[in-house]
Amino acid sequence: MEGPYIRIEDSGEVIPLGEAVTTVGRGSGVDVRLGDPSVSRLHAEIVRRGPYAYVTDLGLSRNGTRVNGRLVARRVLDDGDVLTFGNARCRIGGIPTEDLSAETDLRRSPSPELTRRELDVLTSLCQPALSDEAFVAPATAREIAADLVVTEAAVKQHLLRLYQKFRIPEGTNRRVRLANEVVSLGLVRPLPPAGREKVPQPQPQPSRSTPDRPSGPPVPAGAGRTPAGSGLPERRAS
């Protein structure tokens, strides 16, 4: 088979990688469907860029994605690499081999120039996923709009421009891929773990005594009064 491909080891099925993105998972709408119950419905993506390809775990599975036995979030692939999605094993083939020097290292491209509002949108997008220092799911357009107090339509326009700036191709889970790219470039940092950041506590104010209220224990209501209807006249000392 010409061009990059993925081979499912259990069945021997060989599937060519798409021109841009190949989705992997257990769901019915993915490109590489794996029946193992340890695989998420949408587990990972294999992205092609020119003659190269890399795998991105979408963070939607507890079992993760491994390349040659090592757990990865994103990893450039070499010919013959073994990919494990949950417990399902696959092998990558058809990728040209070459010696990558420091000049041709596949480091991520520099981050594009962003406006202040675009950076706010990216920060709000990634915060839910970064709160536990593990990628779970980015915020929706509606959640971002509520966070930034803007309209949902405005957020969607910003997201469209960000997809173009970061060269995120169209397809499923576009927000997830954008968030992955933003985090990998270090544009948004994880929040400190809960309990480490100390919140300043308000200082207690000194109590002020009320001049027209006597000190001491409270006096029950009606104390010292003659019960109504007792018929007993008051006696005065002679």
Protein backbone atom coordinates (compact mmCIF):
# COMPACT_ATOMS: atom_id res chain seq x y z
CA MET A 1 0.00 0.00 0.00
CA GLU A 2 1.34 3.40 -0.96
CA GLY A 3 1.35 6.16 1.61
CA PRO A 4 0.99 6.03 5.41
CA TYR A 5 -1.37 3.44 6.83
CA ILE A 6 -2.43 1.87 10.13
CA ARG A 7 -2.76 -1.87 10.64
CA ILE A 8 -5.06 -3.34 13.30
CA GLU A 9 -3.11 -6.25 14.73
CA ASP A 10 -6.08 -8.31 15.97
CA SER A 11 -7.84 -8.40 12.62
CA GLY A 12 -4.98 -7.62 10.23
CA GLU A 13 -7.09 -4.91 8.59
CA VAL A 14 -5.04 -2.20 6.89
CA ILE A 15 -6.52 1.30 6.67
CA PRO A 16 -4.83 4.19 4.81
CA LEU A 17 -4.41 7.38 6.79
CA GLY A 18 -6.53 10.29 5.63
CA GLU A 19 -5.03 13.32 3.94
CA ALA A 20 -5.55 15.46 7.06
CA VAL A 21 -7.05 13.69 10.09
CA THR A 22 -7.81 10.02 10.78
CA THR A 23 -10.03 9.41 13.81
CA VAL A 24 -9.63 6.31 15.98
CA GLY A 25 -12.15 4.95 18.46
CA ARG A 26 -15.00 2.57 19.22
CA GLY A 27 -17.80 4.73 17.82
CA SER A 28 -19.57 4.09 14.55
CA GLY A 29 -18.48 7.37 12.94
CA VAL A 30 -14.69 7.06 13.25
CA ASP A 31 -12.23 6.19 10.47
CA VAL A 32 -10.48 3.39 12.38
CA ARG A 33 -13.03 1.50 14.43
CA LEU A 34 -11.78 -0.68 17.30
CA GLY A 35 -14.21 -2.96 19.10
CA ASP A 36 -12.27 -3.30 22.34
CA PRO A 37 -14.34 -1.99 25.32
CA SER A 38 -11.26 -0.20 26.71
CA VAL A 39 -11.33 2.15 23.70
CA SER A 40 -13.37 5.34 23.87
CA ARG A 41 -15.96 6.17 21.23
CA LEU A 42 -13.61 8.91 20.03
CA HIS A 43 -10.21 8.00 21.40
CA ALA A 44 -7.46 9.63 19.33
CA GLU A 45 -6.54 11.28 16.05
CA ILE A 46 -3.69 10.69 13.64
CA VAL A 47 -2.82 13.91 11.84
CA ARG A 48 -0.77 14.12 8.65
CA ARG A 49 1.42 17.09 7.85
CA GLY A 50 3.25 16.60 4.59
CA PRO A 51 5.18 13.30 4.73
CA TYR A 52 4.93 13.18 8.52
CA ALA A 53 2.20 12.07 10.92
CA TYR A 54 1.58 12.40 14.63
CA VAL A 55 -0.94 10.89 17.02
CA THR A 56 -2.95 12.97 19.50
CA ASP A 57 -4.79 11.43 22.44
CA LEU A 58 -8.09 13.25 22.90
CA GLY A 59 -8.14 12.76 26.65
CA LEU A 60 -11.59 11.20 26.60
CA SER A 61 -10.48 7.77 27.84
CA ARG A 62 -9.06 6.68 31.16
CA ASN A 63 -6.85 4.16 29.38
CA GLY A 64 -4.98 6.65 27.21
CA THR A 65 -2.84 6.20 24.10
CA ARG A 66 0.62 4.62 24.00
CA VAL A 67 3.37 4.63 21.40
CA ASN A 68 5.78 1.70 21.73
CA GLY A 69 4.51 1.16 25.27
CA ARG A 70 4.88 4.76 26.45
CA LEU A 71 1.85 6.83 27.41
CA VAL A 72 1.67 9.97 25.24
CA ALA A 73 -0.50 13.04 24.73
CA ARG A 74 0.96 13.81 21.31
CA ARG A 75 3.81 12.14 19.49
CA VAL A 76 5.39 12.25 16.03
CA LEU A 77 5.24 8.79 14.48
CA ASP A 78 7.96 6.75 12.81
CA ASP A 79 7.51 3.86 10.45
CA GLY A 80 6.79 0.66 12.41
CA ASP A 81 5.64 2.36 15.62
CA VAL A 82 3.17 0.32 17.68
CA LEU A 83 0.14 2.32 18.83
CA THR A 84 -1.99 1.07 21.70
CA PHE A 85 -5.42 2.59 22.22
CA GLY A 86 -6.65 1.21 25.52
CA ASN A 87 -5.86 -2.48 25.00
CA ALA A 88 -6.16 -2.44 21.20
CA ARG A 89 -2.84 -2.63 19.33
CA CYS A 90 -2.13 -1.16 15.92
CA ARG A 91 0.98 -0.54 13.84
CA ILE A 92 1.92 2.42 11.67
CA GLY A 93 3.51 1.87 8.27
CA GLY A 94 4.31 3.67 5.06
CA ILE A 95 5.95 6.70 6.69
CA PRO A 96 9.23 7.69 5.01
CA THR A 97 12.29 7.25 7.20
CA GLU A 98 14.97 9.89 7.51
CA ASP A 99 17.53 11.20 9.95
CA LEU A 100 16.09 14.28 11.59
CA SER A 101 18.74 16.82 12.40
CA ALA A 102 18.26 19.69 14.81
CA GLU A 103 17.33 21.93 11.87
CA THR A 104 14.59 19.60 10.65
CA ASP A 105 13.26 18.63 14.07
CA LEU A 106 9.48 18.56 14.10
CA ARG A 107 9.08 21.15 16.76
CA ARG A 108 5.76 22.89 16.82
CA SER A 109 5.52 26.10 14.85
CA PRO A 110 5.73 29.39 16.75
CA SER A 111 2.43 30.57 18.13
CA PRO A 112 0.55 33.05 15.95
CA GLU A 113 -0.01 36.64 16.94
CA LEU A 114 -3.12 36.90 19.10
CA THR A 115 -5.33 39.75 20.21
CA ARG A 116 -6.14 40.21 23.87
CA ARG A 117 -9.71 38.97 23.34
CA GLU A 118 -8.50 35.88 21.46
CA LEU A 119 -6.17 35.06 24.33
CA ASP A 120 -9.10 35.45 26.75
CA VAL A 121 -11.14 33.02 24.64
CA LEU A 122 -8.29 30.47 24.61
CA THR A 123 -7.81 30.78 28.36
CA SER A 124 -11.51 30.21 29.00
CA LEU A 125 -11.54 27.34 26.49
CA CYS A 126 -8.76 25.43 28.25
CA GLN A 127 -9.43 26.11 31.93
CA PRO A 128 -11.89 23.21 32.53
CA ALA A 129 -9.38 20.76 31.12
CA LEU A 130 -6.43 22.18 33.04
CA SER A 131 -8.06 22.42 36.44
CA ASP A 132 -6.95 18.86 37.35
CA GLU A 133 -3.75 18.97 35.29
CA ALA A 134 -5.22 16.36 32.95
CA PHE A 135 -6.93 16.94 29.67
CA VAL A 136 -10.63 16.19 29.98
CA ALA A 137 -12.74 18.44 27.75
CA PRO A 138 -12.52 22.10 26.80
CA ALA A 139 -15.29 24.60 27.47
CA THR A 140 -18.15 24.99 25.01
CA ALA A 141 -18.86 28.22 23.15
CA ARG A 142 -21.79 28.85 25.49
CA GLU A 143 -19.62 28.37 28.59
CA ILE A 144 -16.95 30.68 27.19
CA ALA A 145 -19.59 33.31 26.45
CA ALA A 146 -20.90 33.13 30.00
CA ASP A 147 -17.37 33.33 31.41
CA LEU A 148 -16.38 36.37 29.34
CA VAL A 149 -19.85 37.99 29.45
CA VAL A 150 -20.17 38.18 25.67
CA THR A 151 -22.55 36.66 23.14
CA GLU A 152 -22.18 33.08 22.00
CA ALA A 153 -22.09 34.30 18.39
CA ALA A 154 -19.06 36.48 19.18
CA VAL A 155 -17.25 33.53 20.74
CA LYS A 156 -17.91 31.38 17.68
CA GLN A 157 -16.45 34.09 15.43
CA HIS A 158 -13.32 34.21 17.58
CA LEU A 159 -13.04 30.40 17.47
CA LEU A 160 -13.27 30.40 13.67
CA ARG A 161 -10.39 32.88 13.45
CA LEU A 162 -8.38 30.86 15.97
CA TYR A 163 -8.89 27.66 13.95
CA GLN A 164 -7.39 29.47 10.97
CA LYS A 165 -4.49 30.98 12.93
CA PHE A 166 -3.52 27.63 14.45
CA ARG A 167 -4.26 25.74 11.20
CA ILE A 168 -6.77 23.39 12.79
CA PRO A 169 -8.47 21.52 9.90
CA GLU A 170 -12.20 21.00 9.83
CA GLY A 171 -13.55 17.81 11.35
CA THR A 172 -14.81 16.34 14.59
CA ASN A 173 -13.60 17.66 17.95
CA ARG A 174 -12.13 20.82 16.47
CA ARG A 175 -12.25 22.57 19.85
CA VAL A 176 -10.33 19.69 21.44
CA ARG A 177 -7.61 19.90 18.79
CA LEU A 178 -7.35 23.67 19.25
CA ALA A 179 -7.05 23.27 23.02
CA ASN A 180 -4.37 20.59 22.57
CA GLU A 181 -2.37 22.91 20.32
CA VAL A 182 -2.70 25.85 22.71
CA VAL A 183 -1.60 23.81 25.72
CA SER A 184 1.32 22.24 23.85
CA LEU A 185 2.58 25.70 22.87
CA GLY A 186 2.42 26.82 26.50
CA LEU A 187 0.00 29.67 25.79
CA VAL A 188 -2.25 28.57 28.67
CA ARG A 189 -0.78 27.24 31.88
CA PRO A 190 -2.39 24.68 34.24
CA LEU A 191 -4.09 26.04 37.32
CA PRO A 192 -2.34 25.35 40.64
CA PRO A 193 -3.69 22.20 42.37
CA ALA A 194 -6.45 22.79 44.87
CA GLY A 195 -5.17 23.62 48.33
CA ARG A 196 -1.81 25.04 47.23
CA GLU A 197 -2.93 28.56 46.52
CA LYS A 198 -3.71 30.36 49.73
CA VAL A 199 -6.63 32.72 49.68
CA PRO A 200 -6.13 35.69 52.01
CA GLN A 201 -8.53 35.50 54.91
CA PRO A 202 -10.28 38.67 56.14
CA GLN A 203 -8.92 40.02 59.41
CA PRO A 204 -11.38 39.94 62.32
CA GLN A 205 -12.70 43.35 63.25
CA PRO A 206 -12.56 44.45 66.92
CA SER A 207 -15.92 44.24 68.62
CA ARG A 208 -17.58 47.47 69.58
CA SER A 209 -19.72 47.66 72.69
CA THR A 210 -23.12 49.26 72.35
CA PRO A 211 -23.51 51.98 75.01
CA ASP A 212 -27.27 51.67 75.38
CA ARG A 213 -27.21 47.88 75.75
CA PRO A 214 -26.09 46.54 79.16
CA SER A 215 -23.43 43.88 79.31
CA GLY A 216 -24.08 40.50 80.84
CA PRO A 217 -26.38 37.61 79.95
CA PRO A 218 -29.60 38.45 78.12
CA VAL A 219 -32.69 38.95 80.28
CA PRO A 220 -35.65 36.76 79.30
CA ALA A 221 -38.62 38.61 77.92
CA GLY A 222 -41.23 39.43 80.60
CA ALA A 223 -38.86 38.94 83.52
CA GLY A 224 -39.78 41.08 86.57
CA ARG A 225 -43.30 41.79 85.36
CA THR A 226 -46.49 40.84 87.13
CA PRO A 227 -48.42 38.32 85.12
CA ALA A 228 -51.45 39.83 83.44
CA GLY A 229 -54.79 39.06 85.10
CA SER A 230 -53.30 38.02 88.45
CA GLY A 231 -55.52 40.56 90.33
CA LEU A 232 -52.80 41.25 92.92
CA PRO A 233 -52.51 44.96 93.79
CA GLU A 234 -49.12 46.51 94.19
CA ARG A 235 -48.00 47.00 97.79
CA ARG A 236 -46.07 49.99 98.87
CA ALA A 237 -43.85 50.09 101.86
CA SER A 238 -45.40 51.99 104.72
